[in-house]
Amino acid sequence: MFLWYGGELEYRLRLSESINLAVSFIPGYPDLMSLSWGISYHMPKKEKRVQ
């Protein structure tokens, strides 16, 4: 379902330097109200070797 008048509210809580807990809410009343949560992990970047 596509909502013309939708939006998203998201909050991220940092648990450590590379792990976040995310909570998301989409208020599309009266058709849809969605609440979701998840964990995101940020992988460290590899440094390029110069020879």
PDB file of N, CA and C in Angstrom:
ATOM      1  N   MET A   1       0.838  -1.178   0.000  1.00  0.00           N
ATOM      2  CA  MET A   1       0.000   0.000   0.000  1.00  0.00           C
ATOM      3  C   MET A   1       0.886   1.247   0.000  1.00  0.00           C
ATOM      4  N   PHE A   2       0.554   2.203  -0.816  1.00  0.00           N
ATOM      5  CA  PHE A   2       1.294   3.456  -0.889  1.00  0.00           C
ATOM      6  C   PHE A   2       0.444   4.565  -0.277  1.00  0.00           C
ATOM      7  N   LEU A   3       1.039   5.342   0.614  1.00  0.00           N
ATOM      8  CA  LEU A   3       0.327   6.438   1.267  1.00  0.00           C
ATOM      9  C   LEU A   3       0.847   7.769   0.758  1.00  0.00           C
ATOM     10  N   TRP A   4      -0.031   8.610   0.261  1.00  0.00           N
ATOM     11  CA  TRP A   4       0.372   9.938  -0.202  1.00  0.00           C
ATOM     12  C   TRP A   4       0.703  10.859   0.962  1.00  0.00           C
ATOM     13  N   TYR A   5       0.078  10.636   2.089  1.00  0.00           N
ATOM     14  CA  TYR A   5       0.209  11.548   3.217  1.00  0.00           C
ATOM     15  C   TYR A   5       0.962  10.888   4.370  1.00  0.00           C
ATOM     16  N   GLY A   6       1.892  10.033   4.059  1.00  0.00           N
ATOM     17  CA  GLY A   6       2.614   9.306   5.097  1.00  0.00           C
ATOM     18  C   GLY A   6       3.903  10.010   5.507  1.00  0.00           C
ATOM     19  N   GLY A   7       4.472   9.533   6.544  1.00  0.00           N
ATOM     20  CA  GLY A   7       5.755  10.015   7.048  1.00  0.00           C
ATOM     21  C   GLY A   7       6.350   8.919   7.907  1.00  0.00           C
ATOM     22  N   GLU A   8       7.544   9.126   8.385  1.00  0.00           N
ATOM     23  CA  GLU A   8       8.168   8.124   9.233  1.00  0.00           C
ATOM     24  C   GLU A   8       8.896   8.813  10.365  1.00  0.00           C
ATOM     25  N   LEU A   9       8.730   8.293  11.553  1.00  0.00           N
ATOM     26  CA  LEU A   9       9.469   8.749  12.726  1.00  0.00           C
ATOM     27  C   LEU A   9      10.406   7.624  13.123  1.00  0.00           C
ATOM     28  N   GLU A  10      11.686   7.947  13.296  1.00  0.00           N
ATOM     29  CA  GLU A  10      12.658   6.913  13.631  1.00  0.00           C
ATOM     30  C   GLU A  10      13.565   7.407  14.734  1.00  0.00           C
ATOM     31  N   TYR A  11      13.865   6.524  15.663  1.00  0.00           N
ATOM     32  CA  TYR A  11      14.776   6.831  16.760  1.00  0.00           C
ATOM     33  C   TYR A  11      15.820   5.736  16.822  1.00  0.00           C
ATOM     34  N   ARG A  12      17.086   6.141  16.918  1.00  0.00           N
ATOM     35  CA  ARG A  12      18.184   5.181  17.033  1.00  0.00           C
ATOM     36  C   ARG A  12      18.914   5.400  18.343  1.00  0.00           C
ATOM     37  N   LEU A  13      19.082   4.323  19.073  1.00  0.00           N
ATOM     38  CA  LEU A  13      19.794   4.346  20.347  1.00  0.00           C
ATOM     39  C   LEU A  13      21.114   3.620  20.158  1.00  0.00           C
ATOM     40  N   ARG A  14      22.218   4.296  20.433  1.00  0.00           N
ATOM     41  CA  ARG A  14      23.536   3.692  20.265  1.00  0.00           C
ATOM     42  C   ARG A  14      23.846   2.805  21.463  1.00  0.00           C
ATOM     43  N   LEU A  15      24.024   1.510  21.200  1.00  0.00           N
ATOM     44  CA  LEU A  15      24.363   0.563  22.255  1.00  0.00           C
ATOM     45  C   LEU A  15      25.876   0.437  22.420  1.00  0.00           C
ATOM     46  N   SER A  16      26.594   0.514  21.311  1.00  0.00           N
ATOM     47  CA  SER A  16      28.054   0.532  21.315  1.00  0.00           C
ATOM     48  C   SER A  16      28.486   1.339  20.098  1.00  0.00           C
ATOM     49  N   GLU A  17      29.774   1.389  19.828  1.00  0.00           N
ATOM     50  CA  GLU A  17      30.252   2.202  18.711  1.00  0.00           C
ATOM     51  C   GLU A  17      29.778   1.685  17.358  1.00  0.00           C
ATOM     52  N   SER A  18      29.488   0.390  17.262  1.00  0.00           N
ATOM     53  CA  SER A  18      29.095  -0.168  15.969  1.00  0.00           C
ATOM     54  C   SER A  18      27.682  -0.776  15.954  1.00  0.00           C
ATOM     55  N   ILE A  19      26.972  -0.756  17.080  1.00  0.00           N
ATOM     56  CA  ILE A  19      25.643  -1.366  17.148  1.00  0.00           C
ATOM     57  C   ILE A  19      24.609  -0.334  17.600  1.00  0.00           C
ATOM     58  N   ASN A  20      23.507  -0.227  16.830  1.00  0.00           N
ATOM     59  CA  ASN A  20      22.404   0.672  17.159  1.00  0.00           C
ATOM     60  C   ASN A  20      21.116  -0.124  17.276  1.00  0.00           C
ATOM     61  N   LEU A  21      20.216   0.336  18.143  1.00  0.00           N
ATOM     62  CA  LEU A  21      18.872  -0.195  18.240  1.00  0.00           C
ATOM     63  C   LEU A  21      17.946   0.849  17.629  1.00  0.00           C
ATOM     64  N   ALA A  22      17.157   0.465  16.627  1.00  0.00           N
ATOM     65  CA  ALA A  22      16.305   1.408  15.907  1.00  0.00           C
ATOM     66  C   ALA A  22      14.838   1.066  16.132  1.00  0.00           C
ATOM     67  N   VAL A  23      14.020   2.113  16.352  1.00  0.00           N
ATOM     68  CA  VAL A  23      12.571   1.974  16.475  1.00  0.00           C
ATOM     69  C   VAL A  23      11.960   2.928  15.462  1.00  0.00           C
ATOM     70  N   SER A  24      11.017   2.423  14.645  1.00  0.00           N
ATOM     71  CA  SER A  24      10.425   3.212  13.574  1.00  0.00           C
ATOM     72  C   SER A  24       8.903   3.158  13.679  1.00  0.00           C
ATOM     73  N   PHE A  25       8.251   4.307  13.419  1.00  0.00           N
ATOM     74  CA  PHE A  25       6.793   4.395  13.467  1.00  0.00           C
ATOM     75  C   PHE A  25       6.305   5.143  12.232  1.00  0.00           C
ATOM     76  N   ILE A  26       5.337   4.556  11.520  1.00  0.00           N
ATOM     77  CA  ILE A  26       4.727   5.192  10.350  1.00  0.00           C
ATOM     78  C   ILE A  26       3.258   5.463  10.684  1.00  0.00           C
ATOM     79  N   PRO A  27       2.883   6.758  10.856  1.00  0.00           N
ATOM     80  CA  PRO A  27       1.501   7.091  11.208  1.00  0.00           C
ATOM     81  C   PRO A  27       0.669   7.396   9.969  1.00  0.00           C
ATOM     82  N   GLY A  28       0.017   6.410   9.410  1.00  0.00           N
ATOM     83  CA  GLY A  28      -0.824   6.614   8.233  1.00  0.00           C
ATOM     84  C   GLY A  28      -2.280   6.365   8.552  1.00  0.00           C
ATOM     85  N   TYR A  29      -2.774   6.970   9.621  1.00  0.00           N
ATOM     86  CA  TYR A  29      -4.154   6.737  10.082  1.00  0.00           C
ATOM     87  C   TYR A  29      -5.144   7.182   9.026  1.00  0.00           C
ATOM     88  N   PRO A  30      -6.196   6.512   8.722  1.00  0.00           N
ATOM     89  CA  PRO A  30      -6.765   5.307   9.337  1.00  0.00           C
ATOM     90  C   PRO A  30      -6.373   4.030   8.617  1.00  0.00           C
ATOM     91  N   ASP A  31      -5.635   4.112   7.522  1.00  0.00           N
ATOM     92  CA  ASP A  31      -5.326   2.917   6.725  1.00  0.00           C
ATOM     93  C   ASP A  31      -4.215   2.065   7.318  1.00  0.00           C
ATOM     94  N   LEU A  32      -3.197   2.689   7.865  1.00  0.00           N
ATOM     95  CA  LEU A  32      -2.018   1.935   8.290  1.00  0.00           C
ATOM     96  C   LEU A  32      -1.348   2.649   9.448  1.00  0.00           C
ATOM     97  N   MET A  33      -0.968   1.878  10.454  1.00  0.00           N
ATOM     98  CA  MET A  33      -0.105   2.379  11.515  1.00  0.00           C
ATOM     99  C   MET A  33       0.911   1.270  11.766  1.00  0.00           C
ATOM    100  N   SER A  34       2.167   1.575  11.533  1.00  0.00           N
ATOM    101  CA  SER A  34       3.198   0.552  11.584  1.00  0.00           C
ATOM    102  C   SER A  34       4.252   0.918  12.622  1.00  0.00           C
ATOM    103  N   LEU A  35       4.605  -0.039  13.455  1.00  0.00           N
ATOM    104  CA  LEU A  35       5.670   0.116  14.434  1.00  0.00           C
ATOM    105  C   LEU A  35       6.649  -1.028  14.216  1.00  0.00           C
ATOM    106  N   SER A  36       7.916  -0.698  14.046  1.00  0.00           N
ATOM    107  CA  SER A  36       8.917  -1.743  13.826  1.00  0.00           C
ATOM    108  C   SER A  36      10.178  -1.409  14.609  1.00  0.00           C
ATOM    109  N   TRP A  37      10.988  -2.419  14.847  1.00  0.00           N
ATOM    110  CA  TRP A  37      12.247  -2.234  15.554  1.00  0.00           C
ATOM    111  C   TRP A  37      13.289  -3.163  14.944  1.00  0.00           C
ATOM    112  N   GLY A  38      14.541  -2.836  15.190  1.00  0.00           N
ATOM    113  CA  GLY A  38      15.617  -3.651  14.656  1.00  0.00           C
ATOM    114  C   GLY A  38      16.967  -3.239  15.209  1.00  0.00           C
ATOM    115  N   ILE A  39      17.965  -3.983  14.846  1.00  0.00           N
ATOM    116  CA  ILE A  39      19.345  -3.724  15.262  1.00  0.00           C
ATOM    117  C   ILE A  39      20.183  -3.511  14.012  1.00  0.00           C
ATOM    118  N   SER A  40      20.992  -2.469  14.008  1.00  0.00           N
ATOM    119  CA  SER A  40      21.879  -2.235  12.873  1.00  0.00           C
ATOM    120  C   SER A  40      23.333  -2.314  13.341  1.00  0.00           C
ATOM    121  N   TYR A  41      24.160  -2.850  12.483  1.00  0.00           N
ATOM    122  CA  TYR A  41      25.578  -3.027  12.763  1.00  0.00           C
ATOM    123  C   TYR A  41      26.376  -2.301  11.685  1.00  0.00           C
ATOM    124  N   HIS A  42      27.276  -1.430  12.078  1.00  0.00           N
ATOM    125  CA  HIS A  42      28.118  -0.696  11.142  1.00  0.00           C
ATOM    126  C   HIS A  42      29.485  -1.378  11.073  1.00  0.00           C
ATOM    127  N   MET A  43      29.784  -1.905   9.901  1.00  0.00           N
ATOM    128  CA  MET A  43      31.059  -2.590   9.721  1.00  0.00           C
ATOM    129  C   MET A  43      32.172  -1.567   9.566  1.00  0.00           C
ATOM    130  N   PRO A  44      33.316  -1.795  10.191  1.00  0.00           N
ATOM    131  CA  PRO A  44      34.426  -0.852  10.061  1.00  0.00           C
ATOM    132  C   PRO A  44      34.987  -0.852   8.646  1.00  0.00           C
ATOM    133  N   LYS A  45      35.434   0.314   8.203  1.00  0.00           N
ATOM    134  CA  LYS A  45      36.027   0.419   6.871  1.00  0.00           C
ATOM    135  C   LYS A  45      37.444  -0.106   6.896  1.00  0.00           C
ATOM    136  N   LYS A  46      37.809  -0.811   5.822  1.00  0.00           N
ATOM    137  CA  LYS A  46      39.166  -1.298   5.698  1.00  0.00           C
ATOM    138  C   LYS A  46      40.037  -0.187   5.126  1.00  0.00           C
ATOM    139  N   GLU A  47      41.220  -0.052   5.685  1.00  0.00           N
ATOM    140  CA  GLU A  47      42.149   0.949   5.159  1.00  0.00           C
ATOM    141  C   GLU A  47      42.869   0.368   3.953  1.00  0.00           C
ATOM    142  N   LYS A  48      43.027   1.198   2.921  1.00  0.00           N
ATOM    143  CA  LYS A  48      43.712   0.759   1.714  1.00  0.00           C
ATOM    144  C   LYS A  48      45.212   0.802   1.938  1.00  0.00           C
ATOM    145  N   ARG A  49      45.888  -0.238   1.477  1.00  0.00           N
ATOM    146  CA  ARG A  49      47.351  -0.270   1.588  1.00  0.00           C
ATOM    147  C   ARG A  49      47.956   0.441   0.396  1.00  0.00           C
ATOM    148  N   VAL A  50      48.940   1.255   0.652  1.00  0.00           N
ATOM    149  CA  VAL A  50      49.672   1.933  -0.408  1.00  0.00           C
ATOM    150  C   VAL A  50      51.045   1.304  -0.488  1.00  0.00           C
ATOM    151  N   GLN A  51      51.412   0.828  -1.688  1.00  0.00           N
ATOM    152  CA  GLN A  51      52.718   0.179  -1.831  1.00  0.00           C
ATOM    153  C   GLN A  51      53.686   1.059  -2.554  1.00  0.00           C
TER     154      GLN A  51
END
